[in-house]
Amino acid sequence: MSASVKLKEILFENTMASAPELVVHGDGVRVRCLACGHRCMIQPGRGGVCRVRFNENGELRAPAGYVAGLQIDPIAKKPFYHAFPARDALSFGMLGCDLHCSYCQNWVTSQALRDDAAVSRPNFVEPEKLIEAALRHKVPAIVSTYNEPLITADWAVEIFKLARAEGIVCGFISNGNATPEVLAFIRPYVDLYKVDLKTFDDRNYRKLGGILENVLDTIKRLKQMDFWVEVVTLVVPTFNDSDDELKRMADFIAGVSVDIPWHVTAFHPEYKMTDPPRTPVETLIRAYDIGKAAGLKFVYPGNVRDGIGRRENTYCPACEKLLIRRRGFIVEENRMKGSTCPFCEEPIAGVWEDDPPDSTGGAGIPLPLSMPEGPCG
């Protein structure tokens, strides 16, 4: 028996009934899953595209009761630059994804059940234990990440209900292949939402397993529903780095809102995509300039050590004074107290604190956590 088959058996024994909002019953035996944009119609005994949501005798089952990744991260690593700067977030992930990106940086968790080499051990834990960890580390936010959170939204909401009761803000780090139904389901509990806009070419999106229009609709809907949204584009040489494609992405985001931060980050060879070279710093600066020319107030190059200068900082778009000075995931100076520029009172879009830290208090690096296991099944 292969490792992936064993993992499948373990995961299928530890599930919950899908939230009613995320399933449509068909002819009595088939079910349609609404957790992601694929809207899979699933036969009994079969799983959806994600491989982790499946039909058991006419009931849609969803992942529950475990984490495959758990750590305290700088919130800037998510990346959220306009939410709780200089603070950390409790990050948890599960297994599976509805896409199959050949350059995935989290492929060991996201491609579980799809790739025999991608086998991560699930650690079974009760939601209460995750909230206890968040309170112990005094983080203002908890986020579902590392795999695609839409396909595990049912259990994330169970965690987030407890988090909200403790005043903890919740977020999704997502590929954006959502449906209106799943966004409505999570909205009472989720305030922060990061979307990967991977390309503006639908043919290339389909190579990754997605549809461009789904992601564009998600970004527009997230803004309409008043989520705090930040968009990330991993700039891959020869894949999505032409001036034309970067401009179309920037123009689209600006058309939704010029206040949405756009992170243009560097690719490095990963997983199955090892041919393109690392993204040159010059390409990120070019993307930055394109974003600013499109009218975006906040564009942030990232995932490189040197060469981007002041561009990773946040400046007031009105008076141009420095608001947040960064070095990678470390905030060296945070002048944002409340939601307006302290110099000219210009409103600055984001999720801010009235009494935030002046700078990152720790080392600004992830802190892996281990949890006592809860009941298995």
Protein backbone atom coordinates (compact mmCIF):
# COMPACT_ATOMS: atom_id res chain seq x y z
CA MET A 1 0.00 0.00 0.00
CA SER A 2 1.47 3.36 -1.03
CA ALA A 3 1.93 6.18 1.46
CA SER A 4 -0.68 8.29 -0.33
CA VAL A 5 -3.25 5.46 -0.08
CA LYS A 6 -2.58 5.12 3.65
CA LEU A 7 -2.90 8.88 4.05
CA LYS A 8 -6.18 8.84 2.16
CA GLU A 9 -7.58 6.21 4.51
CA ILE A 10 -6.51 8.19 7.57
CA LEU A 11 -8.00 11.43 6.26
CA PHE A 12 -11.27 9.84 5.18
CA GLU A 13 -11.72 8.50 8.71
CA ASN A 14 -11.38 12.02 10.13
CA THR A 15 -13.99 14.19 8.49
CA MET A 16 -17.17 16.10 9.19
CA ALA A 17 -20.37 16.50 7.25
CA SER A 18 -20.01 19.42 4.87
CA ALA A 19 -21.62 22.65 5.94
CA PRO A 20 -25.11 22.68 4.37
CA GLU A 21 -24.28 25.96 2.64
CA LEU A 22 -21.53 24.23 0.66
CA VAL A 23 -23.44 21.31 -0.85
CA VAL A 24 -26.33 20.78 -3.24
CA HIS A 25 -27.93 17.36 -3.32
CA GLY A 26 -28.63 16.11 -6.82
CA ASP A 27 -30.47 12.92 -7.69
CA GLY A 28 -30.32 11.42 -4.22
CA VAL A 29 -26.86 9.93 -4.57
CA ARG A 30 -24.72 12.55 -6.29
CA VAL A 31 -23.79 15.81 -4.56
CA ARG A 32 -22.46 19.09 -5.90
CA CYS A 33 -19.73 20.69 -3.81
CA LEU A 34 -19.70 24.51 -3.63
CA ALA A 35 -16.46 24.94 -1.68
CA CYS A 36 -14.45 26.05 -4.71
CA GLY A 37 -14.95 27.23 -8.26
CA HIS A 38 -14.82 23.72 -9.72
CA ARG A 39 -18.30 23.01 -8.32
CA CYS A 40 -17.64 19.27 -8.57
CA MET A 41 -20.58 16.93 -9.05
CA ILE A 42 -19.38 13.92 -7.02
CA GLN A 43 -20.54 10.34 -7.32
CA PRO A 44 -20.82 8.12 -4.20
CA GLY A 45 -17.43 6.76 -3.19
CA ARG A 46 -15.60 9.41 -5.17
CA GLY A 47 -13.81 12.63 -4.29
CA GLY A 48 -13.75 16.04 -5.90
CA VAL A 49 -10.86 17.62 -7.78
CA CYS A 50 -9.27 18.48 -4.45
CA ARG A 51 -9.28 14.77 -3.43
CA VAL A 52 -10.16 15.62 0.19
CA ARG A 53 -13.91 16.34 -0.09
CA PHE A 54 -15.83 13.20 -0.99
CA ASN A 55 -19.26 11.65 -1.27
CA GLU A 56 -20.04 8.97 1.30
CA ASN A 57 -23.37 7.34 0.57
CA GLY A 58 -24.90 10.59 -0.64
CA GLU A 59 -23.36 12.79 2.06
CA LEU A 60 -20.58 15.26 1.25
CA ARG A 61 -17.76 14.85 3.77
CA ALA A 62 -15.14 17.52 4.44
CA PRO A 63 -11.74 17.47 6.20
CA ALA A 64 -11.78 18.08 9.94
CA GLY A 65 -9.92 17.60 13.18
CA TYR A 66 -6.28 17.96 12.24
CA VAL A 67 -3.48 20.29 11.16
CA ALA A 68 -0.65 19.44 8.80
CA GLY A 69 1.21 22.67 9.50
CA LEU A 70 1.13 24.93 12.53
CA GLN A 71 3.31 27.86 13.47
CA ILE A 72 3.50 31.43 14.62
CA ASP A 73 4.33 33.57 11.57
CA PRO A 74 5.04 37.25 11.12
CA ILE A 75 1.78 38.48 9.64
CA ALA A 76 3.84 40.16 6.91
CA LYS A 77 4.78 36.65 5.72
CA LYS A 78 1.18 35.91 4.71
CA PRO A 79 1.69 38.57 3.27
CA PHE A 80 -0.54 41.12 4.98
CA TYR A 81 1.24 44.48 5.02
CA HIS A 82 -1.84 46.52 5.94
CA ALA A 83 -3.11 44.38 8.81
CA PHE A 84 -1.54 44.42 12.28
CA PRO A 85 1.98 45.49 11.19
CA ALA A 86 4.82 44.28 13.45
CA ARG A 87 2.59 41.52 14.84
CA ASP A 88 2.35 37.74 14.42
CA ALA A 89 -0.43 35.41 13.35
CA LEU A 90 -1.17 31.81 14.27
CA SER A 91 -1.01 29.93 10.97
CA PHE A 92 -2.52 26.50 10.46
CA GLY A 93 -2.89 24.40 7.35
CA MET A 94 -4.50 21.15 6.34
CA LEU A 95 -4.01 18.98 3.24
CA GLY A 96 -5.09 19.23 -0.37
CA CYS A 97 -5.70 21.83 -3.05
CA ASP A 98 -8.06 22.38 -5.96
CA LEU A 99 -5.16 23.50 -8.19
CA HIS A 100 -1.92 21.73 -9.14
CA CYS A 101 0.60 24.53 -9.67
CA SER A 102 3.92 23.16 -10.87
CA TYR A 103 5.83 25.75 -8.81
CA CYS A 104 3.89 25.38 -5.54
CA GLN A 105 6.00 26.30 -2.53
CA ASN A 106 3.73 24.32 -0.18
CA TRP A 107 3.41 21.26 -2.41
CA VAL A 108 4.14 18.76 0.37
CA THR A 109 0.81 19.70 1.97
CA SER A 110 -1.18 21.06 -0.97
CA GLN A 111 -0.54 18.12 -3.30
CA ALA A 112 -1.19 15.39 -0.75
CA LEU A 113 -3.36 12.61 -2.24
CA ARG A 114 -2.35 13.80 -5.73
CA ASP A 115 1.42 13.25 -5.65
CA ASP A 116 2.93 10.21 -3.91
CA ALA A 117 5.95 12.31 -2.94
CA ALA A 118 3.73 14.83 -1.17
CA VAL A 119 2.93 13.06 2.07
CA SER A 120 2.56 15.09 5.26
CA ARG A 121 1.54 13.68 8.59
CA PRO A 122 -1.74 15.05 9.95
CA ASN A 123 -1.66 16.00 13.62
CA PHE A 124 -5.08 15.58 15.18
CA VAL A 125 -6.11 18.41 17.45
CA GLU A 126 -9.23 20.02 18.88
CA PRO A 127 -10.14 23.58 17.82
CA GLU A 128 -9.93 24.72 21.43
CA LYS A 129 -6.23 23.82 21.53
CA LEU A 130 -5.51 26.09 18.57
CA ILE A 131 -7.28 28.99 20.26
CA GLU A 132 -5.36 28.32 23.47
CA ALA A 133 -2.12 28.53 21.47
CA ALA A 134 -3.20 31.80 19.86
CA LEU A 135 -4.03 33.30 23.25
CA ARG A 136 -0.80 32.01 24.78
CA HIS A 137 1.24 33.71 22.07
CA LYS A 138 -0.93 36.86 22.22
CA VAL A 139 -1.47 37.05 18.47
CA PRO A 140 -4.22 39.30 17.06
CA ALA A 141 -4.98 37.02 14.11
CA ILE A 142 -5.32 33.37 13.10
CA VAL A 143 -5.16 32.32 9.45
CA SER A 144 -5.84 29.20 7.40
CA THR A 145 -2.92 28.74 5.02
CA TYR A 146 -0.29 26.29 3.60
CA ASN A 147 -2.96 24.45 1.60
CA GLU A 148 -6.07 25.88 -0.08
CA PRO A 149 -8.38 26.94 2.78
CA LEU A 150 -11.55 27.04 0.67
CA ILE A 151 -11.67 23.24 0.49
CA THR A 152 -11.30 22.98 4.28
CA ALA A 153 -13.54 25.95 5.08
CA ASP A 154 -16.01 23.89 7.12
CA TRP A 155 -13.51 23.08 9.89
CA ALA A 156 -11.81 26.47 9.63
CA VAL A 157 -15.13 28.09 10.50
CA GLU A 158 -15.44 25.86 13.58
CA ILE A 159 -12.06 27.22 14.71
CA PHE A 160 -12.86 30.78 13.73
CA LYS A 161 -16.10 30.81 15.70
CA LEU A 162 -14.05 30.24 18.85
CA ALA A 163 -11.43 32.76 17.75
CA ARG A 164 -13.99 35.50 17.16
CA ALA A 165 -15.36 34.96 20.65
CA GLU A 166 -11.87 35.79 21.97
CA GLY A 167 -11.51 38.89 19.81
CA ILE A 168 -9.07 37.24 17.38
CA VAL A 169 -9.31 38.32 13.74
CA CYS A 170 -9.39 35.50 11.18
CA GLY A 171 -8.07 35.20 7.64
CA PHE A 172 -7.71 33.02 4.54
CA ILE A 173 -4.53 32.73 2.45
CA SER A 174 -6.12 31.53 -0.77
CA ASN A 175 -5.80 31.00 -4.50
CA GLY A 176 -9.12 32.80 -4.91
CA ASN A 177 -10.91 30.04 -6.83
CA ALA A 178 -14.02 30.65 -4.77
CA THR A 179 -17.78 30.57 -5.22
CA PRO A 180 -20.29 33.15 -3.97
CA GLU A 181 -21.65 30.48 -1.65
CA VAL A 182 -18.36 29.76 0.13
CA LEU A 183 -17.58 33.46 0.54
CA ALA A 184 -21.01 34.03 2.09
CA PHE A 185 -20.40 31.04 4.37
CA ILE A 186 -17.06 32.31 5.72
CA ARG A 187 -17.83 36.04 5.80
CA PRO A 188 -19.28 36.15 9.34
CA TYR A 189 -15.98 34.76 10.65
CA VAL A 190 -13.28 35.88 8.19
CA ASP A 191 -12.08 39.48 7.78
CA LEU A 192 -8.67 39.13 6.10
CA TYR A 193 -8.29 37.55 2.67
CA LYS A 194 -5.14 37.22 0.58
CA VAL A 195 -5.64 36.19 -3.07
CA ASP A 196 -3.04 34.82 -5.46
CA LEU A 197 -3.53 36.33 -8.90
CA LYS A 198 -1.23 33.94 -10.71
CA THR A 199 -1.55 35.14 -14.31
CA PHE A 200 -3.85 37.16 -16.53
CA ASP A 201 -3.85 34.49 -19.25
CA ASP A 202 -6.70 32.00 -18.96
CA ARG A 203 -4.76 29.34 -20.89
CA ASN A 204 -1.97 29.49 -18.33
CA TYR A 205 -4.51 29.45 -15.48
CA ARG A 206 -5.99 26.27 -16.87
CA LYS A 207 -2.52 24.68 -16.91
CA LEU A 208 -2.50 25.24 -13.15
CA GLY A 209 -5.98 23.76 -12.79
CA GLY A 210 -7.93 27.00 -12.46
CA ILE A 211 -9.99 29.53 -14.40
CA LEU A 212 -8.98 33.17 -14.56
CA GLU A 213 -12.54 34.51 -14.47
CA ASN A 214 -13.26 32.71 -11.19
CA VAL A 215 -10.35 34.48 -9.49
CA LEU A 216 -11.23 37.89 -10.94
CA ASP A 217 -14.84 37.45 -9.78
CA THR A 218 -13.58 36.48 -6.32
CA ILE A 219 -11.43 39.60 -5.98
CA LYS A 220 -14.35 41.82 -6.99
CA ARG A 221 -16.76 40.02 -4.68
CA LEU A 222 -14.36 40.12 -1.72
CA LYS A 223 -14.15 43.88 -2.04
CA GLN A 224 -17.92 44.20 -2.36
CA MET A 225 -18.34 42.08 0.79
CA ASP A 226 -15.91 44.29 2.72
CA PHE A 227 -13.19 41.74 3.37
CA TRP A 228 -9.74 43.26 3.80
CA VAL A 229 -8.04 42.10 0.58
CA GLU A 230 -4.39 41.95 -0.45
CA VAL A 231 -3.35 40.44 -3.80
CA VAL A 232 -0.12 38.57 -4.52
CA THR A 233 1.42 37.79 -7.90
CA LEU A 234 4.42 35.48 -8.00
CA VAL A 235 6.27 36.91 -10.99
CA VAL A 236 7.66 33.96 -12.97
CA PRO A 237 10.07 34.61 -15.86
CA THR A 238 8.55 33.74 -19.25
CA PHE A 239 5.24 32.76 -17.59
CA ASN A 240 3.62 36.03 -16.49
CA ASP A 241 6.34 38.71 -16.48
CA SER A 242 5.67 40.60 -19.72
CA ASP A 243 4.86 44.30 -19.50
CA ASP A 244 1.49 43.65 -21.13
CA GLU A 245 0.41 40.98 -18.67
CA LEU A 246 1.63 42.86 -15.60
CA LYS A 247 -0.18 45.97 -16.82
CA ARG A 248 -3.44 44.07 -17.33
CA MET A 249 -3.18 42.69 -13.80
CA ALA A 250 -2.44 46.10 -12.33
CA ASP A 251 -5.24 47.76 -14.29
CA PHE A 252 -7.71 45.12 -13.12
CA ILE A 253 -6.78 45.50 -9.45
CA ALA A 254 -6.90 49.30 -9.70
CA GLY A 255 -10.32 48.99 -11.34
CA VAL A 256 -11.57 47.12 -8.27
CA SER A 257 -9.87 49.47 -5.79
CA VAL A 258 -6.67 51.50 -5.86
CA ASP A 259 -6.41 50.80 -2.11
CA ILE A 260 -5.77 47.05 -2.58
CA PRO A 261 -2.08 46.31 -1.89
CA TRP A 262 -0.42 44.39 -4.72
CA HIS A 263 2.54 42.21 -3.76
CA VAL A 264 4.79 41.32 -6.69
CA THR A 265 7.08 38.60 -5.41
CA ALA A 266 10.10 36.77 -6.75
CA PHE A 267 9.92 33.23 -8.09
CA HIS A 268 12.60 30.69 -7.31
CA PRO A 269 12.73 27.20 -8.84
CA GLU A 270 10.45 24.90 -6.85
CA TYR A 271 8.67 21.55 -7.07
CA LYS A 272 8.25 20.65 -10.77
CA MET A 273 9.10 24.05 -12.25
CA THR A 274 12.88 24.18 -12.21
CA ASP A 275 13.61 25.61 -15.66
CA PRO A 276 12.87 29.33 -15.28
CA PRO A 277 15.58 31.28 -13.43
CA ARG A 278 14.97 33.24 -10.26
CA THR A 279 13.08 36.44 -10.87
CA PRO A 280 15.55 39.31 -11.32
CA VAL A 281 15.14 42.26 -8.99
CA GLU A 282 14.85 44.44 -12.08
CA THR A 283 11.68 42.58 -13.05
CA LEU A 284 10.11 43.25 -9.65
CA ILE A 285 10.98 46.93 -9.92
CA ARG A 286 9.42 46.97 -13.39
CA ALA A 287 6.25 45.38 -11.97
CA TYR A 288 6.28 47.93 -9.13
CA ASP A 289 6.48 50.80 -11.62
CA ILE A 290 3.66 49.30 -13.70
CA GLY A 291 1.46 48.99 -10.62
CA LYS A 292 2.09 52.56 -9.55
CA ALA A 293 1.48 53.84 -13.08
CA ALA A 294 -1.90 52.05 -13.02
CA GLY A 295 -2.85 54.13 -9.98
CA LEU A 296 -2.35 51.57 -7.23
CA LYS A 297 -1.46 53.33 -4.00
CA PHE A 298 0.44 50.40 -2.50
CA VAL A 299 2.71 48.07 -4.49
CA TYR A 300 5.25 45.89 -2.67
CA PRO A 301 8.07 43.88 -4.27
CA GLY A 302 9.04 40.90 -2.14
CA ASN A 303 10.78 37.57 -1.66
CA VAL A 304 14.22 39.07 -2.33
CA ARG A 305 16.92 40.13 0.09
CA ASP A 306 18.34 43.22 -1.56
CA GLY A 307 17.85 45.66 -4.37
CA ILE A 308 14.31 46.92 -3.89
CA GLY A 309 15.26 49.81 -1.59
CA ARG A 310 12.40 51.83 -0.12
CA ARG A 311 9.76 50.03 -2.17
CA GLU A 312 8.94 47.55 0.61
CA ASN A 313 7.97 50.43 2.92
CA THR A 314 4.53 51.98 3.26
CA TYR A 315 4.19 55.70 2.49
CA CYS A 316 1.20 57.96 2.77
CA PRO A 317 -0.22 58.38 -0.75
CA ALA A 318 -1.14 62.00 0.05
CA CYS A 319 1.84 63.56 1.86
CA GLU A 320 4.35 60.80 0.98
CA LYS A 321 5.67 60.58 4.55
CA LEU A 322 7.03 57.23 5.76
CA LEU A 323 4.43 55.22 7.67
CA ILE A 324 6.00 51.74 7.98
CA ARG A 325 9.63 50.85 7.38
CA ARG A 326 10.30 47.19 6.64
CA ARG A 327 13.19 44.81 6.15
CA GLY A 328 11.73 41.58 4.85
CA PHE A 329 9.18 40.38 7.40
CA ILE A 330 10.58 42.68 10.09
CA VAL A 331 8.94 46.02 10.76
CA GLU A 332 11.72 48.36 11.83
CA GLU A 333 9.45 51.36 12.37
CA ASN A 334 5.66 51.57 12.58
CA ARG A 335 4.11 55.03 12.71
CA MET A 336 0.53 53.89 12.04
CA LYS A 337 -1.61 54.49 15.12
CA GLY A 338 -5.21 54.20 14.06
CA SER A 339 -6.39 54.30 10.46
CA THR A 340 -5.11 57.69 9.28
CA CYS A 341 -1.72 59.16 8.39
CA PRO A 342 -0.27 60.72 11.57
CA PHE A 343 1.09 63.62 9.50
CA CYS A 344 -1.81 64.70 7.27
CA GLU A 345 -4.77 62.58 8.50
CA GLU A 346 -5.24 60.93 5.10
CA PRO A 347 -7.25 57.68 5.56
CA ILE A 348 -4.97 54.67 4.99
CA ALA A 349 -6.81 51.52 3.94
CA GLY A 350 -6.13 48.51 6.15
CA VAL A 351 -6.78 46.86 9.50
CA TRP A 352 -4.91 48.95 12.05
CA GLU A 353 -4.55 49.14 15.81
CA ASP A 354 -4.87 52.29 17.92
CA ASP A 355 -1.88 51.26 20.05
CA PRO A 356 0.31 49.02 17.88
CA PRO A 357 3.91 47.95 18.44
CA ASP A 358 6.44 50.50 17.21
CA SER A 359 8.49 47.68 15.63
CA THR A 360 8.73 43.90 15.44
CA GLY A 361 9.34 42.62 18.94
CA GLY A 362 10.90 39.26 18.13
CA ALA A 363 13.19 37.82 15.50
CA GLY A 364 10.65 38.20 12.69
CA ILE A 365 10.88 34.53 11.72
CA PRO A 366 8.38 31.64 11.87
CA LEU A 367 8.06 29.67 15.09
CA PRO A 368 6.87 26.07 14.51
CA LEU A 369 4.45 24.75 17.12
CA SER A 370 3.70 21.25 18.27
CA MET A 371 0.30 20.43 19.70
CA PRO A 372 -0.96 17.67 21.98
CA GLU A 373 -3.09 15.45 19.80
CA GLY A 374 -6.82 15.28 20.28
CA PRO A 375 -9.06 12.31 19.58
CA CYS A 376 -8.56 10.67 16.19
CA GLY A 377 -11.92 10.11 14.57
